[in-house]
Each structure stands twice: as structure tokens, then as C-alpha cells.
N, C-alpha and C. Protein backbone atom coordinates (compact mmCIF):
# COMPACT_ATOMS: atom_id res chain seq x y z
N MET A 1 53.61 6.70 10.63
CA MET A 1 53.48 5.61 9.34
C MET A 1 53.06 4.29 10.21
N LYS A 2 53.64 3.71 10.95
CA LYS A 2 53.26 2.47 11.67
C LYS A 2 51.69 2.32 11.80
N ARG A 3 51.32 3.50 12.33
CA ARG A 3 49.70 3.36 12.85
C ARG A 3 48.78 3.23 11.57
N LEU A 4 49.27 3.36 10.20
CA LEU A 4 48.39 3.37 9.14
C LEU A 4 48.78 2.15 8.52
N ALA A 5 49.85 1.47 8.79
CA ALA A 5 49.98 0.04 8.28
C ALA A 5 48.72 -1.14 8.18
N PHE A 6 47.98 -0.83 9.40
CA PHE A 6 47.01 -1.88 9.26
C PHE A 6 46.05 -1.77 8.35
N LEU A 7 46.06 -0.62 7.38
CA LEU A 7 45.30 -0.35 6.41
C LEU A 7 45.67 -1.09 5.28
N PHE A 8 46.86 -1.52 5.11
CA PHE A 8 47.55 -2.19 3.81
C PHE A 8 47.55 -3.57 4.26
N ARG A 9 47.57 -4.22 5.30
CA ARG A 9 47.66 -5.66 5.75
C ARG A 9 46.47 -6.29 5.27
N PHE A 10 46.48 -7.53 4.84
CA PHE A 10 45.33 -8.62 4.42
C PHE A 10 45.06 -9.43 5.95
N ARG A 11 45.87 -9.41 6.78
CA ARG A 11 45.73 -10.02 7.94
C ARG A 11 44.74 -9.67 9.04
N GLY A 12 44.20 -10.19 9.73
CA GLY A 12 43.42 -9.84 10.94
C GLY A 12 41.72 -9.69 10.52
N ARG A 13 41.08 -9.19 11.40
CA ARG A 13 39.67 -9.00 11.18
C ARG A 13 38.93 -7.78 11.21
N LEU A 14 38.11 -7.21 10.48
CA LEU A 14 37.56 -5.84 10.42
C LEU A 14 35.92 -5.95 10.57
N ALA A 15 35.38 -5.48 11.59
CA ALA A 15 34.01 -5.41 12.06
C ALA A 15 33.20 -4.44 11.08
N ARG A 16 31.95 -5.06 11.11
CA ARG A 16 31.38 -4.55 9.99
C ARG A 16 30.98 -2.90 9.73
N GLY A 17 30.80 -2.35 11.04
CA GLY A 17 30.73 -1.03 11.04
C GLY A 17 31.96 -0.29 10.44
N ALA A 18 33.20 -0.87 10.95
CA ALA A 18 34.65 -0.19 10.46
C ALA A 18 34.85 -0.49 9.15
N PHE A 19 34.44 -1.65 8.76
CA PHE A 19 34.83 -1.84 7.28
C PHE A 19 34.04 -0.89 6.37
N TRP A 20 32.64 -0.58 6.86
CA TRP A 20 32.04 0.40 5.76
C TRP A 20 32.77 1.84 6.11
N LEU A 21 32.98 2.06 7.16
CA LEU A 21 33.70 3.58 7.63
C LEU A 21 35.20 3.64 6.80
N ARG A 22 35.76 2.59 6.68
CA ARG A 22 37.18 2.50 6.12
C ARG A 22 36.75 2.71 4.46
N LEU A 23 35.57 2.14 4.02
CA LEU A 23 35.33 2.11 2.66
C LEU A 23 35.08 3.45 2.30
N LEU A 24 34.27 4.09 3.25
CA LEU A 24 33.95 5.37 2.95
C LEU A 24 34.88 6.49 2.92
N LEU A 25 35.76 6.17 3.88
CA LEU A 25 37.02 6.95 3.97
C LEU A 25 38.01 7.02 2.58
N VAL A 26 38.22 5.94 2.27
CA VAL A 26 39.10 5.54 1.21
C VAL A 26 38.58 6.05 -0.13
N LEU A 27 37.23 5.98 -0.51
CA LEU A 27 36.59 6.61 -1.33
C LEU A 27 36.67 7.99 -1.30
N VAL A 28 36.52 8.67 -0.33
CA VAL A 28 36.69 10.19 -0.11
C VAL A 28 38.04 10.74 -0.29
N ALA A 29 38.81 10.12 0.23
CA ALA A 29 40.23 10.50 0.11
C ALA A 29 40.94 10.27 -1.41
N PHE A 30 40.20 9.12 -2.09
CA PHE A 30 40.58 8.97 -3.48
C PHE A 30 39.82 10.09 -4.19
N ALA A 31 38.62 10.43 -4.12
CA ALA A 31 37.96 11.54 -4.71
C ALA A 31 38.63 12.98 -4.70
N LEU A 32 39.29 13.19 -3.32
CA LEU A 32 39.85 14.46 -3.17
C LEU A 32 41.11 14.53 -3.85
N LEU A 33 42.02 13.48 -3.65
CA LEU A 33 43.42 13.43 -4.23
C LEU A 33 43.37 13.30 -5.94
N ASP A 34 42.21 12.97 -6.29
CA ASP A 34 42.10 12.91 -7.90
C ASP A 34 41.95 14.34 -7.94
N THR A 35 41.16 14.90 -7.54
CA THR A 35 40.56 16.22 -7.82
C THR A 35 41.89 17.32 -7.71
N ALA A 36 42.60 17.04 -6.79
CA ALA A 36 43.87 17.74 -6.21
C ALA A 36 45.17 17.55 -7.49
N LEU A 37 45.25 16.04 -7.66
CA LEU A 37 46.15 15.89 -8.44
C LEU A 37 45.96 16.05 -9.73
N THR A 38 44.90 16.23 -10.44
CA THR A 38 44.38 16.31 -11.88
C THR A 38 45.43 17.24 -12.60
N PRO A 39 45.33 18.76 -11.91
CA PRO A 39 46.03 19.87 -12.36
C PRO A 39 47.54 19.60 -12.61
N VAL A 40 48.17 18.97 -11.61
CA VAL A 40 49.48 18.73 -11.49
C VAL A 40 50.11 17.48 -12.24
N LEU A 41 49.19 16.35 -12.34
CA LEU A 41 49.83 15.19 -12.77
C LEU A 41 49.08 14.73 -14.00
N GLY A 42 47.85 15.26 -14.39
CA GLY A 42 46.92 15.05 -15.61
C GLY A 42 46.70 13.48 -15.44
N GLN A 43 46.80 12.84 -16.44
CA GLN A 43 46.18 11.32 -16.55
C GLN A 43 47.28 10.30 -15.92
N ALA A 44 48.38 10.94 -15.49
CA ALA A 44 49.36 9.99 -14.78
C ALA A 44 48.87 9.67 -13.12
N ARG A 45 48.00 10.28 -12.95
CA ARG A 45 47.56 10.28 -11.32
C ARG A 45 46.91 9.02 -11.59
N VAL A 46 45.85 8.54 -12.64
CA VAL A 46 45.35 7.20 -12.47
C VAL A 46 46.38 6.08 -12.22
N TRP A 47 47.79 6.13 -12.78
CA TRP A 47 48.82 5.00 -12.56
C TRP A 47 49.33 5.14 -10.78
N LEU A 48 48.80 6.41 -10.51
CA LEU A 48 49.30 6.55 -8.78
C LEU A 48 48.51 6.25 -7.92
N LEU A 49 47.15 6.78 -8.32
CA LEU A 49 46.11 6.44 -7.18
C LEU A 49 45.14 5.25 -7.24
N ASN A 50 45.18 4.90 -8.49
CA ASN A 50 44.23 3.48 -8.62
C ASN A 50 44.69 2.42 -7.97
N PRO A 51 46.24 2.07 -8.22
CA PRO A 51 46.54 0.65 -7.50
C PRO A 51 46.64 1.02 -6.08
N LEU A 52 46.84 2.18 -5.79
CA LEU A 52 46.63 2.40 -4.14
C LEU A 52 45.19 2.19 -3.50
N ALA A 53 44.40 3.02 -4.19
CA ALA A 53 43.01 2.62 -3.92
C ALA A 53 42.41 1.10 -4.06
N LEU A 54 42.79 0.76 -4.93
CA LEU A 54 42.58 -0.87 -5.05
C LEU A 54 43.09 -1.71 -3.95
N TRP A 55 44.54 -1.51 -3.56
CA TRP A 55 45.02 -2.32 -2.48
C TRP A 55 44.43 -2.12 -1.42
N LEU A 56 43.78 -0.77 -1.02
CA LEU A 56 43.27 -0.59 0.39
C LEU A 56 42.10 -1.15 0.34
N LEU A 57 41.15 -1.16 -0.70
CA LEU A 57 40.08 -1.66 -0.80
C LEU A 57 39.80 -3.43 -0.66
N LEU A 58 40.86 -3.94 -1.31
CA LEU A 58 41.11 -5.39 -1.15
C LEU A 58 41.63 -5.62 -0.08
N ALA A 59 42.37 -5.31 0.97
CA ALA A 59 42.79 -5.48 2.14
C ALA A 59 41.63 -5.21 2.81
N ALA A 60 40.75 -4.22 2.98
CA ALA A 60 39.65 -3.85 3.81
C ALA A 60 38.54 -5.26 3.63
N SER A 61 38.49 -5.60 2.27
CA SER A 61 37.53 -6.73 1.93
C SER A 61 37.98 -7.92 2.50
N ALA A 62 39.26 -7.99 2.58
CA ALA A 62 39.64 -9.38 2.86
C ALA A 62 39.94 -9.58 4.67
N GLN A 63 40.04 -8.47 5.10
CA GLN A 63 39.88 -8.34 6.40
C GLN A 63 38.42 -8.60 6.97
N ARG A 64 37.45 -8.12 6.07
CA ARG A 64 36.05 -8.31 6.56
C ARG A 64 35.49 -9.59 6.20
N LEU A 65 36.17 -10.27 5.37
CA LEU A 65 35.62 -11.91 5.30
C LEU A 65 36.34 -12.65 6.04
N HIS A 66 37.67 -12.09 6.66
CA HIS A 66 38.33 -12.97 7.91
C HIS A 66 37.37 -12.69 8.91
N ASP A 67 36.61 -11.62 9.28
CA ASP A 67 35.55 -11.76 10.29
C ASP A 67 34.31 -12.53 10.18
N ARG A 68 33.98 -12.97 8.83
CA ARG A 68 33.03 -13.71 8.44
C ARG A 68 33.67 -15.34 8.45
N ASP A 69 34.95 -15.58 8.80
CA ASP A 69 35.30 -16.76 8.76
C ASP A 69 35.45 -17.43 7.44
N TYR A 70 35.85 -16.51 6.54
CA TYR A 70 35.99 -16.90 5.12
C TYR A 70 37.49 -16.58 4.86
N GLY A 71 38.31 -17.12 4.04
CA GLY A 71 39.47 -16.56 3.63
C GLY A 71 39.38 -15.78 2.37
N ALA A 72 40.68 -14.95 2.30
CA ALA A 72 40.68 -13.84 1.12
C ALA A 72 40.41 -14.29 0.06
N ARG A 73 40.75 -15.79 -0.19
CA ARG A 73 40.67 -16.20 -1.89
C ARG A 73 39.05 -16.15 -2.20
N TRP A 74 38.19 -15.87 -1.07
CA TRP A 74 36.76 -15.66 -1.62
C TRP A 74 36.50 -14.43 -2.32
N LEU A 75 37.71 -13.54 -2.31
CA LEU A 75 37.55 -12.30 -3.15
C LEU A 75 37.24 -12.93 -4.58
N PHE A 76 37.86 -13.74 -4.95
CA PHE A 76 37.71 -14.18 -6.69
C PHE A 76 36.44 -14.44 -6.77
N VAL A 77 35.45 -14.65 -5.98
CA VAL A 77 33.91 -14.83 -6.05
C VAL A 77 33.48 -13.68 -7.10
N GLY A 78 34.01 -12.68 -6.61
CA GLY A 78 33.39 -11.19 -7.07
C GLY A 78 33.56 -11.38 -8.52
N LEU A 79 34.54 -11.97 -9.25
CA LEU A 79 34.40 -12.13 -10.51
C LEU A 79 33.63 -12.58 -11.36
N VAL A 80 32.72 -13.47 -10.80
CA VAL A 80 31.51 -14.12 -11.26
C VAL A 80 30.56 -13.07 -11.37
N PRO A 81 30.21 -12.55 -12.54
CA PRO A 81 29.29 -11.62 -12.88
C PRO A 81 27.93 -11.71 -11.93
N VAL A 82 27.27 -10.74 -11.50
CA VAL A 82 26.14 -10.50 -11.06
C VAL A 82 26.19 -11.43 -9.51
N PHE A 83 26.28 -12.84 -9.61
CA PHE A 83 26.17 -13.53 -8.41
C PHE A 83 27.14 -13.38 -7.61
N GLY A 84 28.69 -13.25 -8.18
CA GLY A 84 29.76 -12.93 -7.05
C GLY A 84 29.86 -11.58 -6.24
N ALA A 85 29.17 -10.42 -6.98
CA ALA A 85 29.27 -9.25 -6.53
C ALA A 85 27.98 -9.14 -5.21
N ALA A 86 26.96 -10.14 -5.91
CA ALA A 86 25.86 -10.04 -4.54
C ALA A 86 26.08 -10.78 -3.33
N TRP A 87 26.83 -12.09 -3.87
CA TRP A 87 27.53 -12.85 -2.86
C TRP A 87 28.51 -12.04 -1.54
N LEU A 88 29.50 -11.31 -2.28
CA LEU A 88 30.30 -10.55 -1.58
C LEU A 88 29.50 -9.59 -0.50
N ALA A 89 28.55 -8.68 -1.25
CA ALA A 89 27.69 -7.73 -0.69
C ALA A 89 26.95 -8.42 0.63
N TRP A 90 26.44 -9.44 0.16
CA TRP A 90 25.88 -10.31 1.48
C TRP A 90 26.80 -10.62 2.49
N GLN A 91 27.76 -10.90 2.32
CA GLN A 91 28.96 -11.26 3.42
C GLN A 91 29.28 -9.88 3.95
N PHE A 92 29.66 -9.06 3.19
CA PHE A 92 29.94 -7.60 3.95
C PHE A 92 28.87 -7.29 4.85
N LEU A 93 27.57 -7.63 4.56
CA LEU A 93 26.64 -6.90 5.32
C LEU A 93 26.12 -7.68 6.61
N ARG A 94 26.67 -8.90 6.61
CA ARG A 94 26.42 -9.67 7.85
C ARG A 94 27.12 -9.55 8.88
N ARG A 95 26.73 -9.93 10.00
CA ARG A 95 27.53 -9.75 11.09
C ARG A 95 28.94 -11.15 11.27
N GLY A 96 30.06 -10.58 11.80
CA GLY A 96 30.93 -11.48 11.96
C GLY A 96 30.84 -12.65 12.73
N ALA A 97 31.73 -13.19 12.99
CA ALA A 97 31.78 -14.47 13.57
C ALA A 97 31.79 -14.26 14.97
N PRO A 98 31.02 -14.81 15.82
CA PRO A 98 30.75 -14.22 17.30
C PRO A 98 31.87 -14.48 18.24
N SER A 99 32.97 -15.05 17.72
CA SER A 99 33.99 -15.89 18.72
C SER A 99 35.35 -15.58 17.82
N ASP A 100 36.48 -15.80 18.43
CA ASP A 100 37.58 -15.87 18.00
C ASP A 100 37.63 -16.99 16.85
N ASN A 101 38.37 -16.62 15.83
CA ASN A 101 38.43 -17.56 14.98
C ASN A 101 40.04 -17.67 14.26
N ARG A 102 40.32 -18.44 13.12
CA ARG A 102 41.70 -18.52 12.76
C ARG A 102 42.43 -17.04 12.48
N TRP A 103 41.98 -15.97 12.27
CA TRP A 103 42.13 -14.49 11.72
C TRP A 103 42.69 -13.83 12.91
N GLY A 104 41.88 -14.07 14.26
CA GLY A 104 42.12 -13.34 15.46
C GLY A 104 41.28 -13.35 16.21
N PRO A 105 41.12 -12.15 17.15
CA PRO A 105 40.14 -12.32 18.30
C PRO A 105 38.85 -11.64 17.35
N ASP A 106 37.62 -11.62 18.18
CA ASP A 106 36.45 -11.06 17.83
C ASP A 106 36.78 -9.41 17.95
N PRO A 107 36.63 -8.79 16.82
CA PRO A 107 36.94 -7.41 17.03
C PRO A 107 35.81 -6.37 17.97
N LEU A 108 34.45 -7.07 18.11
CA LEU A 108 33.73 -6.42 18.80
C LEU A 108 33.65 -6.95 20.18
N ARG A 109 34.55 -7.86 20.63
CA ARG A 109 34.53 -8.54 21.89
C ARG A 109 35.23 -7.13 23.12
N GLU A 110 34.44 -7.15 24.02
CA GLU A 110 34.96 -6.41 25.19
C GLU A 110 36.37 -7.06 25.68
N THR A 111 37.48 -6.03 25.97
CA THR A 111 38.71 -6.65 26.40
C THR A 111 38.89 -7.15 27.54
N GLY A 112 38.09 -6.22 28.39
CA GLY A 112 38.11 -6.24 29.94
C GLY A 112 39.21 -5.90 30.71
N ASP A 113 39.98 -4.87 29.79
CA ASP A 113 41.26 -4.24 30.14
C ASP A 113 41.09 -2.97 30.90
N PHE A 114 39.86 -2.68 31.16
CA PHE A 114 39.69 -1.50 32.25
C PHE A 114 39.10 -1.85 33.51
N LEU A 115 39.18 -1.10 34.36
CA LEU A 115 39.02 -1.06 35.81
C LEU A 115 37.39 -1.11 35.91
N VAL A 116 36.92 -1.82 36.71
CA VAL A 116 35.41 -1.96 36.98
C VAL A 116 35.50 -1.91 38.41
N VAL A 117 34.50 -0.91 38.92
CA VAL A 117 34.41 -0.65 40.39
C VAL A 117 33.13 -0.96 40.78
N GLY A 118 32.69 -1.97 41.45
CA GLY A 118 31.46 -2.25 41.95
C GLY A 118 30.67 -2.08 43.22
């Protein structure tokens, strides 16, 4: 369970490709769970799955904004009709900050913790 804890955290950075992969996986998992739980829980599944999916998507979005060197508070821009969603989509599509920032090291930087034989 500790390995999945990073999915729920709002800290750290998330590279562009990892963000889109996580977004896709959360949406697929949500659809599968929704389909599987419908006969068991009926409408009560909404109260179980929606908050969980929302939390996972907000955490991934906050980590993606951190990679762009913006704080998670910028997610509130998404509440502005049309402009807010467009601005967030633009930020999610752009490359992250090329160096370390206040939210952590560059997730795409090679760490150099492997043996190089020359």
C-alpha cells in the first residue's frame, strides 16, 4: 500500500508523460469499478467512487503544476469558465521546468546512479 501512496499526495513533481498516463489509468479504473459496482451498490457507488477519483485527479494535477513551477492553488483557475480550463490544459501540455525547483528535482533528469563503463 505504501507504493500507491504517491498517487494521493499533492507534493512532488510529475512529468508530462507520467501525468497523461496516470490520468488515463485513473479514468479507466474508474470506469471499470463503476461498471463492476453498479449491480452491487447501485447509486451508492457514486458516493464511493467520485470523491476517490476527484482526489486522484486533483493530486496528479497539482503535481503536474509543480513540475511547471506553479503552486497547487493555480488549480482554482479551472473554476473560471473557458479561460481557466484552457489555461490549465495549456500548462499540462507544456514541458516542465528544466531544473530542480521548490517542489523537488526534475523528474526527467538522469540521476547518474548507474555504472558507466567507458
